[in-house]
Amino acid sequence: MTGYAAGLLWSQLWLAEALGAPVQARMGPILFMLLTVNAYLLGWRLLMRAWFTGSVYGWRQGLLSIPRLVIGNLVAILASLRALSLHLSGQDRKWDKTRHIFPAELAR
């Protein structure tokens, strides 16, 4: 979650600087190296995810696996925030079971 927030804030700083605002979005060489390595590793992960998904389900689903990564992260963030709020509120901690309706059950 902090990675998404940091990416949003840095992009706003770079955009403001590009538009002529008197801000300087500068970072030290160690942070720059760390972010560069992290970006390459993220790119590799996205490439492998798209490649393997595409090899099983076709190239369209391979490309769609990239935005699904962001959606999956959003779902995980919201689930963790809900779990944290339940824990801090002192409510009962119970398993939220999802109801499923399978197509075979609809035919009966």
N, C-alpha and C. Protein backbone atom coordinates (compact mmCIF):
# COMPACT_ATOMS: atom_id res chain seq x y z
N MET A 1 0.83 -1.19 0.00
CA MET A 1 0.00 0.00 0.00
C MET A 1 0.88 1.25 0.00
N THR A 2 1.95 1.20 0.77
CA THR A 2 2.84 2.37 0.80
C THR A 2 3.56 2.55 -0.53
N GLY A 3 3.81 1.44 -1.23
CA GLY A 3 4.44 1.54 -2.55
C GLY A 3 3.55 2.28 -3.54
N TYR A 4 2.26 1.97 -3.53
CA TYR A 4 1.32 2.67 -4.41
C TYR A 4 1.23 4.15 -4.03
N ALA A 5 1.18 4.43 -2.73
CA ALA A 5 1.11 5.83 -2.28
C ALA A 5 2.38 6.58 -2.66
N ALA A 6 3.54 5.95 -2.46
CA ALA A 6 4.80 6.60 -2.82
C ALA A 6 4.90 6.84 -4.32
N GLY A 7 4.47 5.86 -5.11
CA GLY A 7 4.48 6.04 -6.57
C GLY A 7 3.59 7.19 -7.00
N LEU A 8 2.43 7.31 -6.38
CA LEU A 8 1.52 8.40 -6.70
C LEU A 8 2.12 9.75 -6.33
N LEU A 9 2.71 9.83 -5.14
CA LEU A 9 3.28 11.10 -4.69
C LEU A 9 4.50 11.50 -5.54
N TRP A 10 5.37 10.54 -5.86
CA TRP A 10 6.54 10.86 -6.69
C TRP A 10 6.12 11.29 -8.09
N SER A 11 5.11 10.62 -8.65
CA SER A 11 4.66 11.02 -9.99
C SER A 11 4.07 12.43 -9.97
N GLN A 12 3.41 12.80 -8.88
CA GLN A 12 2.88 14.16 -8.78
C GLN A 12 4.02 15.18 -8.67
N LEU A 13 5.06 14.84 -7.92
CA LEU A 13 6.21 15.75 -7.81
C LEU A 13 6.91 15.92 -9.16
N TRP A 14 7.11 14.81 -9.87
CA TRP A 14 7.77 14.90 -11.18
C TRP A 14 6.92 15.68 -12.18
N LEU A 15 5.60 15.49 -12.13
CA LEU A 15 4.71 16.23 -13.02
C LEU A 15 4.73 17.72 -12.69
N ALA A 16 4.70 18.04 -11.41
CA ALA A 16 4.75 19.46 -11.01
C ALA A 16 6.06 20.09 -11.44
N GLU A 17 7.16 19.36 -11.31
CA GLU A 17 8.45 19.89 -11.74
C GLU A 17 8.50 20.07 -13.25
N ALA A 18 7.92 19.14 -13.99
CA ALA A 18 7.89 19.24 -15.45
C ALA A 18 7.03 20.40 -15.92
N LEU A 19 6.01 20.75 -15.15
CA LEU A 19 5.13 21.86 -15.51
C LEU A 19 5.66 23.21 -15.03
N GLY A 20 6.81 23.21 -14.36
CA GLY A 20 7.43 24.46 -13.98
C GLY A 20 7.25 24.88 -12.54
N ALA A 21 6.73 24.03 -11.70
CA ALA A 21 6.57 24.38 -10.29
C ALA A 21 7.95 24.44 -9.63
N PRO A 22 8.11 25.29 -8.63
CA PRO A 22 9.43 25.42 -7.99
C PRO A 22 9.70 24.32 -6.96
N VAL A 23 9.58 23.06 -7.38
CA VAL A 23 9.88 21.92 -6.52
C VAL A 23 10.99 21.10 -7.18
N GLN A 24 11.71 20.39 -6.38
CA GLN A 24 12.75 19.53 -6.91
C GLN A 24 12.57 18.13 -6.35
N ALA A 25 12.19 17.22 -7.20
CA ALA A 25 12.01 15.83 -6.80
C ALA A 25 13.34 15.11 -7.01
N ARG A 26 14.24 15.24 -6.07
CA ARG A 26 15.56 14.63 -6.17
C ARG A 26 15.70 13.52 -5.14
N MET A 27 16.52 12.54 -5.49
CA MET A 27 16.78 11.45 -4.57
C MET A 27 18.26 11.12 -4.60
N GLY A 28 18.74 10.55 -3.53
CA GLY A 28 20.15 10.19 -3.43
C GLY A 28 20.49 9.01 -4.34
N PRO A 29 21.78 8.77 -4.55
CA PRO A 29 22.18 7.69 -5.46
C PRO A 29 21.83 6.30 -4.94
N ILE A 30 21.84 6.10 -3.65
CA ILE A 30 21.49 4.78 -3.10
C ILE A 30 20.01 4.50 -3.31
N LEU A 31 19.16 5.49 -3.03
CA LEU A 31 17.73 5.32 -3.25
C LEU A 31 17.43 5.11 -4.72
N PHE A 32 18.12 5.85 -5.58
CA PHE A 32 17.92 5.69 -7.02
C PHE A 32 18.29 4.27 -7.47
N MET A 33 19.42 3.75 -6.97
CA MET A 33 19.84 2.40 -7.32
C MET A 33 18.84 1.37 -6.81
N LEU A 34 18.37 1.54 -5.58
CA LEU A 34 17.40 0.63 -5.01
C LEU A 34 16.10 0.61 -5.81
N LEU A 35 15.62 1.80 -6.18
CA LEU A 35 14.38 1.87 -6.96
C LEU A 35 14.57 1.31 -8.36
N THR A 36 15.75 1.48 -8.94
CA THR A 36 16.02 0.93 -10.27
C THR A 36 16.02 -0.59 -10.24
N VAL A 37 16.70 -1.17 -9.27
CA VAL A 37 16.72 -2.63 -9.13
C VAL A 37 15.31 -3.15 -8.86
N ASN A 38 14.58 -2.46 -8.03
CA ASN A 38 13.21 -2.86 -7.72
C ASN A 38 12.32 -2.80 -8.96
N ALA A 39 12.50 -1.76 -9.79
CA ALA A 39 11.71 -1.64 -11.02
C ALA A 39 12.04 -2.76 -11.99
N TYR A 40 13.32 -3.11 -12.12
CA TYR A 40 13.69 -4.23 -12.99
C TYR A 40 13.09 -5.55 -12.50
N LEU A 41 13.14 -5.78 -11.20
CA LEU A 41 12.56 -7.00 -10.66
C LEU A 41 11.04 -7.05 -10.84
N LEU A 42 10.37 -5.91 -10.69
CA LEU A 42 8.93 -5.85 -10.94
C LEU A 42 8.63 -6.13 -12.41
N GLY A 43 9.43 -5.53 -13.30
CA GLY A 43 9.25 -5.79 -14.73
C GLY A 43 9.44 -7.26 -15.06
N TRP A 44 10.46 -7.89 -14.48
CA TRP A 44 10.70 -9.31 -14.68
C TRP A 44 9.51 -10.14 -14.19
N ARG A 45 9.00 -9.79 -13.02
CA ARG A 45 7.86 -10.52 -12.47
C ARG A 45 6.62 -10.38 -13.36
N LEU A 46 6.37 -9.16 -13.85
CA LEU A 46 5.23 -8.95 -14.74
C LEU A 46 5.40 -9.69 -16.05
N LEU A 47 6.62 -9.69 -16.58
CA LEU A 47 6.90 -10.40 -17.83
C LEU A 47 6.67 -11.89 -17.66
N MET A 48 7.19 -12.47 -16.59
CA MET A 48 7.02 -13.90 -16.35
C MET A 48 5.55 -14.25 -16.12
N ARG A 49 4.84 -13.40 -15.40
CA ARG A 49 3.42 -13.65 -15.14
C ARG A 49 2.65 -13.64 -16.45
N ALA A 50 2.90 -12.64 -17.29
CA ALA A 50 2.21 -12.55 -18.58
C ALA A 50 2.61 -13.70 -19.49
N TRP A 51 3.89 -14.07 -19.50
CA TRP A 51 4.37 -15.15 -20.36
C TRP A 51 3.71 -16.48 -20.00
N PHE A 52 3.72 -16.84 -18.71
CA PHE A 52 3.17 -18.13 -18.31
C PHE A 52 1.65 -18.15 -18.41
N THR A 53 1.01 -17.05 -18.07
CA THR A 53 -0.44 -17.01 -18.22
C THR A 53 -0.81 -17.09 -19.70
N GLY A 54 -0.05 -16.38 -20.54
CA GLY A 54 -0.30 -16.43 -21.98
C GLY A 54 -0.04 -17.79 -22.58
N SER A 55 0.93 -18.52 -22.06
CA SER A 55 1.21 -19.85 -22.60
C SER A 55 0.10 -20.84 -22.29
N VAL A 56 -0.64 -20.60 -21.23
CA VAL A 56 -1.72 -21.52 -20.85
C VAL A 56 -3.06 -21.04 -21.41
N TYR A 57 -3.36 -19.74 -21.31
CA TYR A 57 -4.69 -19.23 -21.63
C TYR A 57 -4.75 -18.36 -22.88
N GLY A 58 -3.64 -18.12 -23.53
CA GLY A 58 -3.63 -17.29 -24.73
C GLY A 58 -3.06 -15.91 -24.45
N TRP A 59 -2.65 -15.23 -25.54
CA TRP A 59 -1.93 -13.97 -25.39
C TRP A 59 -2.80 -12.86 -24.79
N ARG A 60 -4.11 -12.88 -25.05
CA ARG A 60 -4.97 -11.83 -24.48
C ARG A 60 -5.01 -11.92 -22.95
N GLN A 61 -5.18 -13.15 -22.46
CA GLN A 61 -5.20 -13.32 -21.01
C GLN A 61 -3.83 -13.06 -20.41
N GLY A 62 -2.79 -13.32 -21.18
CA GLY A 62 -1.45 -13.00 -20.71
C GLY A 62 -1.28 -11.51 -20.49
N LEU A 63 -1.77 -10.72 -21.44
CA LEU A 63 -1.70 -9.26 -21.27
C LEU A 63 -2.62 -8.77 -20.16
N LEU A 64 -3.77 -9.42 -20.02
CA LEU A 64 -4.71 -9.01 -18.97
C LEU A 64 -4.23 -9.41 -17.57
N SER A 65 -3.23 -10.29 -17.50
CA SER A 65 -2.72 -10.69 -16.18
C SER A 65 -1.98 -9.53 -15.50
N ILE A 66 -1.52 -8.57 -16.28
CA ILE A 66 -0.79 -7.43 -15.69
C ILE A 66 -1.72 -6.53 -14.89
N PRO A 67 -2.85 -6.06 -15.47
CA PRO A 67 -3.74 -5.26 -14.61
C PRO A 67 -4.40 -6.07 -13.49
N ARG A 68 -4.54 -7.39 -13.70
CA ARG A 68 -5.11 -8.21 -12.62
C ARG A 68 -4.19 -8.25 -11.41
N LEU A 69 -2.90 -8.05 -11.61
CA LEU A 69 -1.97 -7.98 -10.49
C LEU A 69 -2.31 -6.80 -9.59
N VAL A 70 -2.61 -5.65 -10.20
CA VAL A 70 -2.96 -4.46 -9.42
C VAL A 70 -4.29 -4.68 -8.70
N ILE A 71 -5.26 -5.27 -9.38
CA ILE A 71 -6.56 -5.53 -8.75
C ILE A 71 -6.41 -6.51 -7.59
N GLY A 72 -5.60 -7.54 -7.79
CA GLY A 72 -5.35 -8.49 -6.70
C GLY A 72 -4.68 -7.83 -5.51
N ASN A 73 -3.75 -6.91 -5.77
CA ASN A 73 -3.11 -6.18 -4.69
C ASN A 73 -4.13 -5.30 -3.95
N LEU A 74 -5.02 -4.67 -4.70
CA LEU A 74 -6.04 -3.83 -4.08
C LEU A 74 -6.95 -4.66 -3.18
N VAL A 75 -7.36 -5.84 -3.65
CA VAL A 75 -8.21 -6.72 -2.84
C VAL A 75 -7.47 -7.13 -1.57
N ALA A 76 -6.18 -7.47 -1.69
CA ALA A 76 -5.39 -7.87 -0.52
C ALA A 76 -5.24 -6.72 0.47
N ILE A 77 -5.04 -5.50 -0.04
CA ILE A 77 -4.92 -4.34 0.84
C ILE A 77 -6.22 -4.10 1.59
N LEU A 78 -7.34 -4.16 0.88
CA LEU A 78 -8.64 -3.94 1.53
C LEU A 78 -8.94 -5.03 2.55
N ALA A 79 -8.57 -6.28 2.24
CA ALA A 79 -8.80 -7.37 3.19
C ALA A 79 -7.94 -7.19 4.44
N SER A 80 -6.70 -6.76 4.26
CA SER A 80 -5.85 -6.56 5.44
C SER A 80 -6.32 -5.39 6.28
N LEU A 81 -6.80 -4.34 5.65
CA LEU A 81 -7.34 -3.21 6.41
C LEU A 81 -8.59 -3.61 7.19
N ARG A 82 -9.44 -4.45 6.58
CA ARG A 82 -10.63 -4.93 7.28
C ARG A 82 -10.24 -5.82 8.46
N ALA A 83 -9.26 -6.70 8.24
CA ALA A 83 -8.82 -7.58 9.32
C ALA A 83 -8.20 -6.77 10.46
N LEU A 84 -7.44 -5.76 10.12
CA LEU A 84 -6.85 -4.91 11.16
C LEU A 84 -7.92 -4.16 11.93
N SER A 85 -8.93 -3.64 11.22
CA SER A 85 -9.99 -2.92 11.92
C SER A 85 -10.80 -3.85 12.83
N LEU A 86 -11.04 -5.09 12.38
CA LEU A 86 -11.74 -6.05 13.25
C LEU A 86 -10.90 -6.39 14.47
N HIS A 87 -9.61 -6.54 14.29
CA HIS A 87 -8.73 -6.86 15.40
C HIS A 87 -8.68 -5.72 16.42
N LEU A 88 -8.56 -4.49 15.92
CA LEU A 88 -8.44 -3.35 16.82
C LEU A 88 -9.76 -3.01 17.51
N SER A 89 -10.89 -3.37 16.89
CA SER A 89 -12.19 -3.06 17.50
C SER A 89 -12.57 -4.05 18.58
N GLY A 90 -11.90 -5.18 18.62
CA GLY A 90 -12.20 -6.17 19.65
C GLY A 90 -13.38 -7.06 19.32
N GLN A 91 -13.90 -6.99 18.10
CA GLN A 91 -15.01 -7.85 17.71
C GLN A 91 -14.53 -9.29 17.56
N ASP A 92 -15.51 -10.19 17.50
CA ASP A 92 -15.17 -11.60 17.30
C ASP A 92 -14.43 -11.79 16.00
N ARG A 93 -13.41 -12.61 16.06
CA ARG A 93 -12.67 -12.93 14.85
C ARG A 93 -13.23 -14.23 14.31
N LYS A 94 -13.94 -14.12 13.22
CA LYS A 94 -14.56 -15.30 12.64
C LYS A 94 -14.22 -15.36 11.15
N TRP A 95 -14.36 -16.54 10.62
CA TRP A 95 -14.07 -16.76 9.21
C TRP A 95 -15.28 -16.31 8.40
N ASP A 96 -15.06 -15.41 7.45
CA ASP A 96 -16.13 -14.98 6.56
C ASP A 96 -16.19 -15.93 5.38
N LYS A 97 -17.16 -16.82 5.40
CA LYS A 97 -17.28 -17.82 4.35
C LYS A 97 -18.03 -17.21 3.17
N THR A 98 -17.47 -17.38 2.00
CA THR A 98 -18.10 -16.90 0.78
C THR A 98 -19.09 -17.94 0.28
N ARG A 99 -20.29 -17.50 -0.06
CA ARG A 99 -21.28 -18.42 -0.63
C ARG A 99 -21.02 -18.56 -2.11
N HIS A 100 -20.97 -19.80 -2.55
CA HIS A 100 -20.75 -20.07 -3.96
C HIS A 100 -21.97 -20.78 -4.53
N ILE A 101 -22.32 -20.43 -5.74
CA ILE A 101 -23.37 -21.14 -6.46
C ILE A 101 -22.72 -21.66 -7.73
N PHE A 102 -22.67 -22.97 -7.84
CA PHE A 102 -22.03 -23.59 -8.98
C PHE A 102 -23.06 -23.83 -10.09
N PRO A 103 -22.65 -23.77 -11.35
CA PRO A 103 -23.60 -23.95 -12.46
C PRO A 103 -24.35 -25.28 -12.41
N ALA A 104 -23.72 -26.33 -11.92
CA ALA A 104 -24.39 -27.64 -11.83
C ALA A 104 -25.55 -27.58 -10.85
N GLU A 105 -25.46 -26.76 -9.82
CA GLU A 105 -26.53 -26.63 -8.82
C GLU A 105 -27.69 -25.83 -9.37
N LEU A 106 -27.46 -24.95 -10.33
CA LEU A 106 -28.54 -24.17 -10.91
C LEU A 106 -29.44 -25.02 -11.82
N ALA A 107 -28.88 -26.06 -12.41
CA ALA A 107 -29.64 -26.90 -13.33
C ALA A 107 -30.64 -27.79 -12.60
N ARG A 108 -30.48 -28.01 -11.33
CA ARG A 108 -31.40 -28.90 -10.58
C ARG A 108 -32.71 -28.27 -10.30
